[in-house]
Full PDB file with SEQRES, HELIX, SHEET, SSBOND, CRYST1, ORIGX, SCALE, CONECT and MASTER records, all heavy atoms in Angstrom:
SEQRES   1 A   31  ILE ILE LYS ARG VAL ASN ASN THR GLU LEU GLY LYS GLY          
SEQRES   2 A   31  ARG THR HIS GLU LYS TYR ILE GLN ILE PRO ARG GLU LEU          
SEQRES   3 A   31  ASP ILE GLU GLU MET                                          
CRYST1    1.000    1.000    1.000  90.00  90.00  90.00 P 1           1          
ORIGX1      1.000000  0.000000  0.000000        0.00000                         
ORIGX2      0.000000  1.000000  0.000000        0.00000                         
ORIGX3      0.000000  0.000000  1.000000        0.00000                         
SCALE1      1.000000  0.000000  0.000000        0.00000                         
SCALE2      0.000000  1.000000  0.000000        0.00000                         
SCALE3      0.000000  0.000000  1.000000        0.00000                         
ATOM      1  N   ILE A   1       0.872  -1.174   0.000  1.00  0.00           N  
ATOM      2  CA  ILE A   1       0.000   0.000   0.000  1.00  0.00           C  
ATOM      3  C   ILE A   1       0.905   1.218   0.000  1.00  0.00           C  
ATOM      4  O   ILE A   1       1.707   1.411   0.915  1.00  0.00           O  
ATOM      5  CB  ILE A   1      -0.913   0.040   1.236  1.00  0.00           C  
ATOM      6  CG1 ILE A   1      -1.751  -1.241   1.347  1.00  0.00           C  
ATOM      7  CG2 ILE A   1      -1.805   1.274   1.194  1.00  0.00           C  
ATOM      8  CD1 ILE A   1      -2.741  -1.418   0.240  1.00  0.00           C  
ATOM      9  N   ILE A   2       0.797   2.037  -1.054  1.00  0.00           N  
ATOM     10  CA  ILE A   2       1.650   3.217  -1.188  1.00  0.00           C  
ATOM     11  C   ILE A   2       0.779   4.460  -1.115  1.00  0.00           C  
ATOM     12  O   ILE A   2      -0.177   4.601  -1.874  1.00  0.00           O  
ATOM     13  CB  ILE A   2       2.437   3.183  -2.511  1.00  0.00           C  
ATOM     14  CG1 ILE A   2       3.315   1.927  -2.554  1.00  0.00           C  
ATOM     15  CG2 ILE A   2       3.302   4.441  -2.653  1.00  0.00           C  
ATOM     16  CD1 ILE A   2       4.012   1.724  -3.877  1.00  0.00           C  
ATOM     17  N   LYS A   3       1.093   5.354  -0.205  1.00  0.00           N  
ATOM     18  CA  LYS A   3       0.269   6.536   0.042  1.00  0.00           C  
ATOM     19  C   LYS A   3       1.131   7.791   0.036  1.00  0.00           C  
ATOM     20  O   LYS A   3       2.163   7.849   0.697  1.00  0.00           O  
ATOM     21  CB  LYS A   3      -0.434   6.408   1.400  1.00  0.00           C  
ATOM     22  CG  LYS A   3      -1.272   7.618   1.816  1.00  0.00           C  
ATOM     23  CD  LYS A   3      -2.511   7.741   0.967  1.00  0.00           C  
ATOM     24  CE  LYS A   3      -3.532   8.717   1.554  1.00  0.00           C  
ATOM     25  NZ  LYS A   3      -3.051  10.099   1.643  1.00  0.00           N  
ATOM     26  N   ARG A   4       0.712   8.784  -0.737  1.00  0.00           N  
ATOM     27  CA  ARG A   4       1.356  10.103  -0.656  1.00  0.00           C  
ATOM     28  C   ARG A   4       0.675  10.875   0.477  1.00  0.00           C  
ATOM     29  O   ARG A   4      -0.529  11.122   0.420  1.00  0.00           O  
ATOM     30  CB  ARG A   4       1.212  10.868  -1.968  1.00  0.00           C  
ATOM     31  CG  ARG A   4       2.138  10.379  -3.071  1.00  0.00           C  
ATOM     32  CD  ARG A   4       2.060  11.301  -4.259  1.00  0.00           C  
ATOM     33  NE  ARG A   4       2.833  10.822  -5.378  1.00  0.00           N  
ATOM     34  CZ  ARG A   4       4.052  11.247  -5.686  1.00  0.00           C  
ATOM     35  NH1 ARG A   4       4.643  12.149  -4.925  1.00  0.00           N  
ATOM     36  NH2 ARG A   4       4.682  10.779  -6.741  1.00  0.00           N  
ATOM     37  N   VAL A   5       1.448  11.231   1.460  1.00  0.00           N  
ATOM     38  CA  VAL A   5       0.862  11.863   2.632  1.00  0.00           C  
ATOM     39  C   VAL A   5       0.712  13.360   2.419  1.00  0.00           C  
ATOM     40  O   VAL A   5       1.448  13.981   1.643  1.00  0.00           O  
ATOM     41  CB  VAL A   5       1.703  11.585   3.895  1.00  0.00           C  
ATOM     42  CG1 VAL A   5       1.627  10.115   4.258  1.00  0.00           C  
ATOM     43  CG2 VAL A   5       3.158  11.999   3.698  1.00  0.00           C  
ATOM     44  N   ASN A   6      -0.275  13.939   3.108  1.00  0.00           N  
ATOM     45  CA  ASN A   6      -0.499  15.376   3.028  1.00  0.00           C  
ATOM     46  C   ASN A   6      -0.205  16.029   4.380  1.00  0.00           C  
ATOM     47  O   ASN A   6       0.102  15.348   5.368  1.00  0.00           O  
ATOM     48  CB  ASN A   6      -1.926  15.679   2.546  1.00  0.00           C  
ATOM     49  CG  ASN A   6      -2.985  15.057   3.453  1.00  0.00           C  
ATOM     50  OD1 ASN A   6      -2.888  15.108   4.677  1.00  0.00           O  
ATOM     51  ND2 ASN A   6      -4.001  14.455   2.836  1.00  0.00           N  
ATOM     52  N   ASN A   7      -0.313  17.345   4.436  1.00  0.00           N  
ATOM     53  CA  ASN A   7       0.049  18.059   5.656  1.00  0.00           C  
ATOM     54  C   ASN A   7      -0.856  17.705   6.829  1.00  0.00           C  
ATOM     55  O   ASN A   7      -0.410  17.683   7.978  1.00  0.00           O  
ATOM     56  CB  ASN A   7       0.014  19.574   5.400  1.00  0.00           C  
ATOM     57  CG  ASN A   7       1.256  20.062   4.678  1.00  0.00           C  
ATOM     58  OD1 ASN A   7       2.334  19.515   4.843  1.00  0.00           O  
ATOM     59  ND2 ASN A   7       1.120  21.112   3.877  1.00  0.00           N  
ATOM     60  N   THR A   8      -2.135  17.436   6.566  1.00  0.00           N  
ATOM     61  CA  THR A   8      -3.039  17.048   7.646  1.00  0.00           C  
ATOM     62  C   THR A   8      -2.612  15.727   8.254  1.00  0.00           C  
ATOM     63  O   THR A   8      -2.562  15.568   9.483  1.00  0.00           O  
ATOM     64  CB  THR A   8      -4.480  16.951   7.134  1.00  0.00           C  
ATOM     65  OG1 THR A   8      -4.866  18.211   6.557  1.00  0.00           O  
ATOM     66  CG2 THR A   8      -5.445  16.614   8.264  1.00  0.00           C  
ATOM     67  N   GLU A   9      -2.274  14.747   7.411  1.00  0.00           N  
ATOM     68  CA  GLU A   9      -1.818  13.447   7.909  1.00  0.00           C  
ATOM     69  C   GLU A   9      -0.494  13.564   8.662  1.00  0.00           C  
ATOM     70  O   GLU A   9      -0.205  12.762   9.553  1.00  0.00           O  
ATOM     71  CB  GLU A   9      -1.661  12.467   6.750  1.00  0.00           C  
ATOM     72  CG  GLU A   9      -2.981  12.071   6.096  1.00  0.00           C  
ATOM     73  CD  GLU A   9      -2.789  11.322   4.799  1.00  0.00           C  
ATOM     74  OE1 GLU A   9      -2.092  11.872   3.905  1.00  0.00           O  
ATOM     75  OE2 GLU A   9      -3.310  10.209   4.674  1.00  0.00           O  
ATOM     76  N   LEU A  10       0.301  14.554   8.302  1.00  0.00           N  
ATOM     77  CA  LEU A  10       1.595  14.753   8.953  1.00  0.00           C  
ATOM     78  C   LEU A  10       1.488  15.529  10.263  1.00  0.00           C  
ATOM     79  O   LEU A  10       2.498  15.874  10.865  1.00  0.00           O  
ATOM     80  CB  LEU A  10       2.541  15.491   8.002  1.00  0.00           C  
ATOM     81  CG  LEU A  10       3.005  14.674   6.787  1.00  0.00           C  
ATOM     82  CD1 LEU A  10       3.718  15.569   5.778  1.00  0.00           C  
ATOM     83  CD2 LEU A  10       3.911  13.527   7.205  1.00  0.00           C  
ATOM     84  N   GLY A  11       0.259  15.817  10.676  1.00  0.00           N  
ATOM     85  CA  GLY A  11       0.062  16.495  11.959  1.00  0.00           C  
ATOM     86  C   GLY A  11       0.095  17.996  11.884  1.00  0.00           C  
ATOM     87  O   GLY A  11       0.187  18.674  12.925  1.00  0.00           O  
ATOM     88  N   LYS A  12       0.002  18.562  10.669  1.00  0.00           N  
ATOM     89  CA  LYS A  12       0.062  20.012  10.523  1.00  0.00           C  
ATOM     90  C   LYS A  12      -1.325  20.639  10.433  1.00  0.00           C  
ATOM     91  O   LYS A  12      -1.457  21.822  10.121  1.00  0.00           O  
ATOM     92  CB  LYS A  12       0.890  20.366   9.287  1.00  0.00           C  
ATOM     93  CG  LYS A  12       2.333  19.870   9.393  1.00  0.00           C  
ATOM     94  CD  LYS A  12       3.149  20.197   8.160  1.00  0.00           C  
ATOM     95  CE  LYS A  12       4.567  19.650   8.284  1.00  0.00           C  
ATOM     96  NZ  LYS A  12       5.388  19.945   7.092  1.00  0.00           N  
ATOM     97  N   GLY A  13      -2.360  19.828  10.700  1.00  0.00           N  
ATOM     98  CA  GLY A  13      -3.717  20.358  10.724  1.00  0.00           C  
ATOM     99  C   GLY A  13      -4.076  20.869  12.109  1.00  0.00           C  
ATOM    100  O   GLY A  13      -3.231  20.959  13.015  1.00  0.00           O  
ATOM    101  N   ARG A  14      -5.333  21.153  12.319  1.00  0.00           N  
ATOM    102  CA  ARG A  14      -5.778  21.744  13.588  1.00  0.00           C  
ATOM    103  C   ARG A  14      -5.645  20.755  14.741  1.00  0.00           C  
ATOM    104  O   ARG A  14      -5.413  21.140  15.886  1.00  0.00           O  
ATOM    105  CB  ARG A  14      -7.229  22.213  13.462  1.00  0.00           C  
ATOM    106  CG  ARG A  14      -7.431  23.288  12.395  1.00  0.00           C  
ATOM    107  CD  ARG A  14      -8.892  23.681  12.295  1.00  0.00           C  
ATOM    108  NE  ARG A  14      -9.353  24.330  13.506  1.00  0.00           N  
ATOM    109  CZ  ARG A  14     -10.627  24.421  13.865  1.00  0.00           C  
ATOM    110  NH1 ARG A  14     -11.552  23.861  13.127  1.00  0.00           N  
ATOM    111  NH2 ARG A  14     -10.974  25.046  14.974  1.00  0.00           N  
ATOM    112  N   THR A  15      -5.829  19.444  14.472  1.00  0.00           N  
ATOM    113  CA  THR A  15      -5.792  18.457  15.552  1.00  0.00           C  
ATOM    114  C   THR A  15      -4.384  17.935  15.839  1.00  0.00           C  
ATOM    115  O   THR A  15      -4.165  17.315  16.880  1.00  0.00           O  
ATOM    116  CB  THR A  15      -6.681  17.250  15.198  1.00  0.00           C  
ATOM    117  OG1 THR A  15      -6.163  16.606  14.025  1.00  0.00           O  
ATOM    118  CG2 THR A  15      -8.112  17.706  14.924  1.00  0.00           C  
ATOM    119  N   HIS A  16      -3.449  18.162  14.923  1.00  0.00           N  
ATOM    120  CA  HIS A  16      -2.063  17.708  15.067  1.00  0.00           C  
ATOM    121  C   HIS A  16      -1.948  16.182  15.137  1.00  0.00           C  
ATOM    122  O   HIS A  16      -0.947  15.651  15.615  1.00  0.00           O  
ATOM    123  CB  HIS A  16      -1.395  18.332  16.294  1.00  0.00           C  
ATOM    124  CG  HIS A  16      -1.423  19.836  16.287  1.00  0.00           C  
ATOM    125  ND1 HIS A  16      -0.711  20.592  15.383  1.00  0.00           N  
ATOM    126  CD2 HIS A  16      -2.129  20.710  17.060  1.00  0.00           C  
ATOM    127  CE1 HIS A  16      -0.962  21.881  15.607  1.00  0.00           C  
ATOM    128  NE2 HIS A  16      -1.809  21.981  16.606  1.00  0.00           N  
ATOM    129  N   GLU A  17      -2.963  15.454  14.662  1.00  0.00           N  
ATOM    130  CA  GLU A  17      -2.902  13.996  14.629  1.00  0.00           C  
ATOM    131  C   GLU A  17      -2.047  13.543  13.455  1.00  0.00           C  
ATOM    132  O   GLU A  17      -2.021  14.192  12.407  1.00  0.00           O  
ATOM    133  CB  GLU A  17      -4.308  13.415  14.520  1.00  0.00           C  
ATOM    134  CG  GLU A  17      -5.187  13.724  15.723  1.00  0.00           C  
ATOM    135  CD  GLU A  17      -6.621  13.265  15.509  1.00  0.00           C  
ATOM    136  OE1 GLU A  17      -7.036  13.172  14.335  1.00  0.00           O  
ATOM    137  OE2 GLU A  17      -7.310  13.009  16.508  1.00  0.00           O  
ATOM    138  N   LYS A  18      -1.370  12.407  13.627  1.00  0.00           N  
ATOM    139  CA  LYS A  18      -0.486  11.882  12.586  1.00  0.00           C  
ATOM    140  C   LYS A  18      -0.952  10.477  12.211  1.00  0.00           C  
ATOM    141  O   LYS A  18      -1.049   9.604  13.083  1.00  0.00           O  
ATOM    142  CB  LYS A  18       0.962  11.872  13.070  1.00  0.00           C  
ATOM    143  CG  LYS A  18       1.483  13.281  13.398  1.00  0.00           C  
ATOM    144  CD  LYS A  18       2.925  13.277  13.840  1.00  0.00           C  
ATOM    145  CE  LYS A  18       3.393  14.696  14.166  1.00  0.00           C  
ATOM    146  NZ  LYS A  18       4.816  14.751  14.556  1.00  0.00           N  
ATOM    147  N   TYR A  19      -1.211  10.274  10.932  1.00  0.00           N  
ATOM    148  CA  TYR A  19      -1.837   9.025  10.496  1.00  0.00           C  
ATOM    149  C   TYR A  19      -1.740   8.901   8.989  1.00  0.00           C  
ATOM    150  O   TYR A  19      -1.203   9.777   8.301  1.00  0.00           O  
ATOM    151  CB  TYR A  19      -3.310   9.006  10.918  1.00  0.00           C  
ATOM    152  CG  TYR A  19      -4.112  10.179  10.381  1.00  0.00           C  
ATOM    153  CD1 TYR A  19      -4.829  10.082   9.189  1.00  0.00           C  
ATOM    154  CD2 TYR A  19      -4.144  11.407  11.053  1.00  0.00           C  
ATOM    155  CE1 TYR A  19      -5.551  11.144   8.690  1.00  0.00           C  
ATOM    156  CE2 TYR A  19      -4.857  12.485  10.562  1.00  0.00           C  
ATOM    157  CZ  TYR A  19      -5.567  12.348   9.385  1.00  0.00           C  
ATOM    158  OH  TYR A  19      -6.278  13.420   8.880  1.00  0.00           O  
ATOM    159  N   ILE A  20      -2.259   7.801   8.456  1.00  0.00           N  
ATOM    160  CA  ILE A  20      -2.489   7.645   7.021  1.00  0.00           C  
ATOM    161  C   ILE A  20      -3.988   7.441   6.840  1.00  0.00           C  
ATOM    162  O   ILE A  20      -4.567   6.533   7.456  1.00  0.00           O  
ATOM    163  CB  ILE A  20      -1.732   6.429   6.437  1.00  0.00           C  
ATOM    164  CG1 ILE A  20      -0.222   6.631   6.514  1.00  0.00           C  
ATOM    165  CG2 ILE A  20      -2.149   6.179   4.992  1.00  0.00           C  
ATOM    166  CD1 ILE A  20       0.565   5.409   6.083  1.00  0.00           C  
ATOM    167  N   GLN A  21      -4.609   8.257   6.031  1.00  0.00           N  
ATOM    168  CA  GLN A  21      -6.023   8.060   5.741  1.00  0.00           C  
ATOM    169  C   GLN A  21      -6.174   7.051   4.604  1.00  0.00           C  
ATOM    170  O   GLN A  21      -5.514   7.158   3.575  1.00  0.00           O  
ATOM    171  CB  GLN A  21      -6.697   9.373   5.358  1.00  0.00           C  
ATOM    172  CG  GLN A  21      -8.198   9.214   5.116  1.00  0.00           C  
ATOM    173  CD  GLN A  21      -8.874  10.529   4.802  1.00  0.00           C  
ATOM    174  OE1 GLN A  21      -8.297  11.602   4.975  1.00  0.00           O  
ATOM    175  NE2 GLN A  21     -10.111  10.465   4.336  1.00  0.00           N  
ATOM    176  N   ILE A  22      -7.022   6.071   4.812  1.00  0.00           N  
ATOM    177  CA  ILE A  22      -7.268   5.026   3.829  1.00  0.00           C  
ATOM    178  C   ILE A  22      -8.605   5.295   3.136  1.00  0.00           C  
ATOM    179  O   ILE A  22      -9.618   5.494   3.815  1.00  0.00           O  
ATOM    180  CB  ILE A  22      -7.299   3.636   4.498  1.00  0.00           C  
ATOM    181  CG1 ILE A  22      -5.997   3.379   5.270  1.00  0.00           C  
ATOM    182  CG2 ILE A  22      -7.534   2.544   3.463  1.00  0.00           C  
ATOM    183  CD1 ILE A  22      -4.761   3.351   4.417  1.00  0.00           C  
ATOM    184  N   PRO A  23      -8.644   5.314   1.820  1.00  0.00           N  
ATOM    185  CA  PRO A  23      -9.914   5.514   1.128  1.00  0.00           C  
ATOM    186  C   PRO A  23     -10.933   4.442   1.499  1.00  0.00           C  
ATOM    187  O   PRO A  23     -10.568   3.286   1.742  1.00  0.00           O  
ATOM    188  CB  PRO A  23      -9.534   5.425  -0.359  1.00  0.00           C  
ATOM    189  CG  PRO A  23      -8.067   5.705  -0.401  1.00  0.00           C  
ATOM    190  CD  PRO A  23      -7.516   5.182   0.884  1.00  0.00           C  
ATOM    191  N   ARG A  24     -12.196   4.812   1.541  1.00  0.00           N  
ATOM    192  CA  ARG A  24     -13.246   3.869   1.907  1.00  0.00           C  
ATOM    193  C   ARG A  24     -13.252   2.649   0.989  1.00  0.00           C  
ATOM    194  O   ARG A  24     -13.542   1.534   1.415  1.00  0.00           O  
ATOM    195  CB  ARG A  24     -14.606   4.573   1.860  1.00  0.00           C  
ATOM    196  CG  ARG A  24     -14.870   5.484   3.046  1.00  0.00           C  
ATOM    197  CD  ARG A  24     -15.152   4.683   4.293  1.00  0.00           C  
ATOM    198  NE  ARG A  24     -15.340   5.560   5.452  1.00  0.00           N  
ATOM    199  CZ  ARG A  24     -15.539   5.104   6.684  1.00  0.00           C  
ATOM    200  NH1 ARG A  24     -15.557   3.795   6.915  1.00  0.00           N  
ATOM    201  NH2 ARG A  24     -15.703   5.932   7.690  1.00  0.00           N  
ATOM    202  N   GLU A  25     -12.953   2.865  -0.292  1.00  0.00           N  
ATOM    203  CA  GLU A  25     -13.043   1.777  -1.259  1.00  0.00           C  
ATOM    204  C   GLU A  25     -11.818   0.875  -1.266  1.00  0.00           C  
ATOM    205  O   GLU A  25     -11.803  -0.153  -1.953  1.00  0.00           O  
ATOM    206  CB  GLU A  25     -13.262   2.332  -2.669  1.00  0.00           C  
ATOM    207  CG  GLU A  25     -12.089   3.113  -3.248  1.00  0.00           C  
ATOM    208  CD  GLU A  25     -12.086   4.596  -2.888  1.00  0.00           C  
ATOM    209  OE1 GLU A  25     -12.797   4.981  -1.926  1.00  0.00           O  
ATOM    210  OE2 GLU A  25     -11.376   5.356  -3.565  1.00  0.00           O  
ATOM    211  N   LEU A  26     -10.782   1.215  -0.508  1.00  0.00           N  
ATOM    212  CA  LEU A  26      -9.545   0.430  -0.516  1.00  0.00           C  
ATOM    213  C   LEU A  26      -9.579  -0.643   0.570  1.00  0.00           C  
ATOM    214  O   LEU A  26      -9.725  -0.342   1.755  1.00  0.00           O  
ATOM    215  CB  LEU A  26      -8.341   1.346  -0.305  1.00  0.00           C  
ATOM    216  CG  LEU A  26      -6.970   0.659  -0.278  1.00  0.00           C  
ATOM    217  CD1 LEU A  26      -6.696  -0.042  -1.596  1.00  0.00           C  
ATOM    218  CD2 LEU A  26      -5.869   1.670   0.026  1.00  0.00           C  
ATOM    219  N   ASP A  27      -9.449  -1.903   0.165  1.00  0.00           N  
ATOM    220  CA  ASP A  27      -9.462  -3.028   1.091  1.00  0.00           C  
ATOM    221  C   ASP A  27      -8.049  -3.318   1.574  1.00  0.00           C  
ATOM    222  O   ASP A  27      -7.167  -3.613   0.771  1.00  0.00           O  
ATOM    223  CB  ASP A  27     -10.048  -4.255   0.382  1.00  0.00           C  
ATOM    224  CG  ASP A  27     -10.099  -5.479   1.288  1.00  0.00           C  
ATOM    225  OD1 ASP A  27      -9.872  -5.330   2.505  1.00  0.00           O  
ATOM    226  OD2 ASP A  27     -10.335  -6.587   0.771  1.00  0.00           O  
ATOM    227  N   ILE A  28      -7.830  -3.213   2.884  1.00  0.00           N  
ATOM    228  CA  ILE A  28      -6.506  -3.524   3.441  1.00  0.00           C  
ATOM    229  C   ILE A  28      -6.607  -4.611   4.511  1.00  0.00           C  
ATOM    230  O   ILE A  28      -5.731  -4.728   5.370  1.00  0.00           O  
ATOM    231  CB  ILE A  28      -5.816  -2.267   4.013  1.00  0.00           C  
ATOM    232  CG1 ILE A  28      -6.614  -1.679   5.170  1.00  0.00           C  
ATOM    233  CG2 ILE A  28      -5.595  -1.229   2.918  1.00  0.00           C  
ATOM    234  CD1 ILE A  28      -5.854  -0.581   5.914  1.00  0.00           C  
ATOM    235  N   GLU A  29      -7.674  -5.418   4.447  1.00  0.00           N  
ATOM    236  CA  GLU A  29      -7.876  -6.428   5.480  1.00  0.00           C  
ATOM    237  C   GLU A  29      -6.820  -7.529   5.437  1.00  0.00           C  
ATOM    238  O   GLU A  29      -6.576  -8.200   6.451  1.00  0.00           O  
ATOM    239  CB  GLU A  29      -9.270  -7.039   5.347  1.00  0.00           C  
ATOM    240  CG  GLU A  29     -10.373  -6.061   5.738  1.00  0.00           C  
ATOM    241  CD  GLU A  29     -11.746  -6.710   5.732  1.00  0.00           C  
ATOM    242  OE1 GLU A  29     -11.839  -7.912   5.402  1.00  0.00           O  
ATOM    243  OE2 GLU A  29     -12.720  -6.000   6.046  1.00  0.00           O  
ATOM    244  N   GLU A  30      -6.167  -7.755   4.263  1.00  0.00           N  
ATOM    245  CA  GLU A  30      -5.081  -8.733   4.232  1.00  0.00           C  
ATOM    246  C   GLU A  30      -3.936  -8.292   5.132  1.00  0.00           C  
ATOM    247  O   GLU A  30      -3.245  -9.107   5.721  1.00  0.00           O  
ATOM    248  CB  GLU A  30      -4.550  -8.930   2.807  1.00  0.00           C  
ATOM    249  CG  GLU A  30      -5.619  -9.244   1.777  1.00  0.00           C  
ATOM    250  CD  GLU A  30      -5.950  -8.000   0.964  1.00  0.00           C  
ATOM    251  OE1 GLU A  30      -6.026  -6.912   1.552  1.00  0.00           O  
ATOM    252  OE2 GLU A  30      -6.123  -8.151  -0.260  1.00  0.00           O  
ATOM    253  N   MET A  31      -3.748  -6.983   5.243  1.00  0.00           N  
ATOM    254  CA  MET A  31      -2.658  -6.436   6.037  1.00  0.00           C  
ATOM    255  C   MET A  31      -3.085  -6.175   7.486  1.00  0.00           C  
ATOM    256  O   MET A  31      -2.315  -6.367   8.434  1.00  0.00           O  
ATOM    257  CB  MET A  31      -2.152  -5.149   5.391  1.00  0.00           C  
ATOM    258  CG  MET A  31      -0.816  -4.676   5.891  1.00  0.00           C  
ATOM    259  SD  MET A  31      -0.166  -3.314   4.895  1.00  0.00           S  
ATOM    260  CE  MET A  31       0.158  -4.108   3.320  1.00  0.00           C  
TER     261      MET A  31                                                      
MASTER        0    0    0    0    0    0    0    6  260    1    0    3          
END                                                                             
């Protein structure tokens, strides 16, 4: 799974949370 991260995911948004957002249509249950 390859994701280009954005500033919000990097914690530069209002909440300062750091994560990877997964699209609703993307199945990652194998992982």
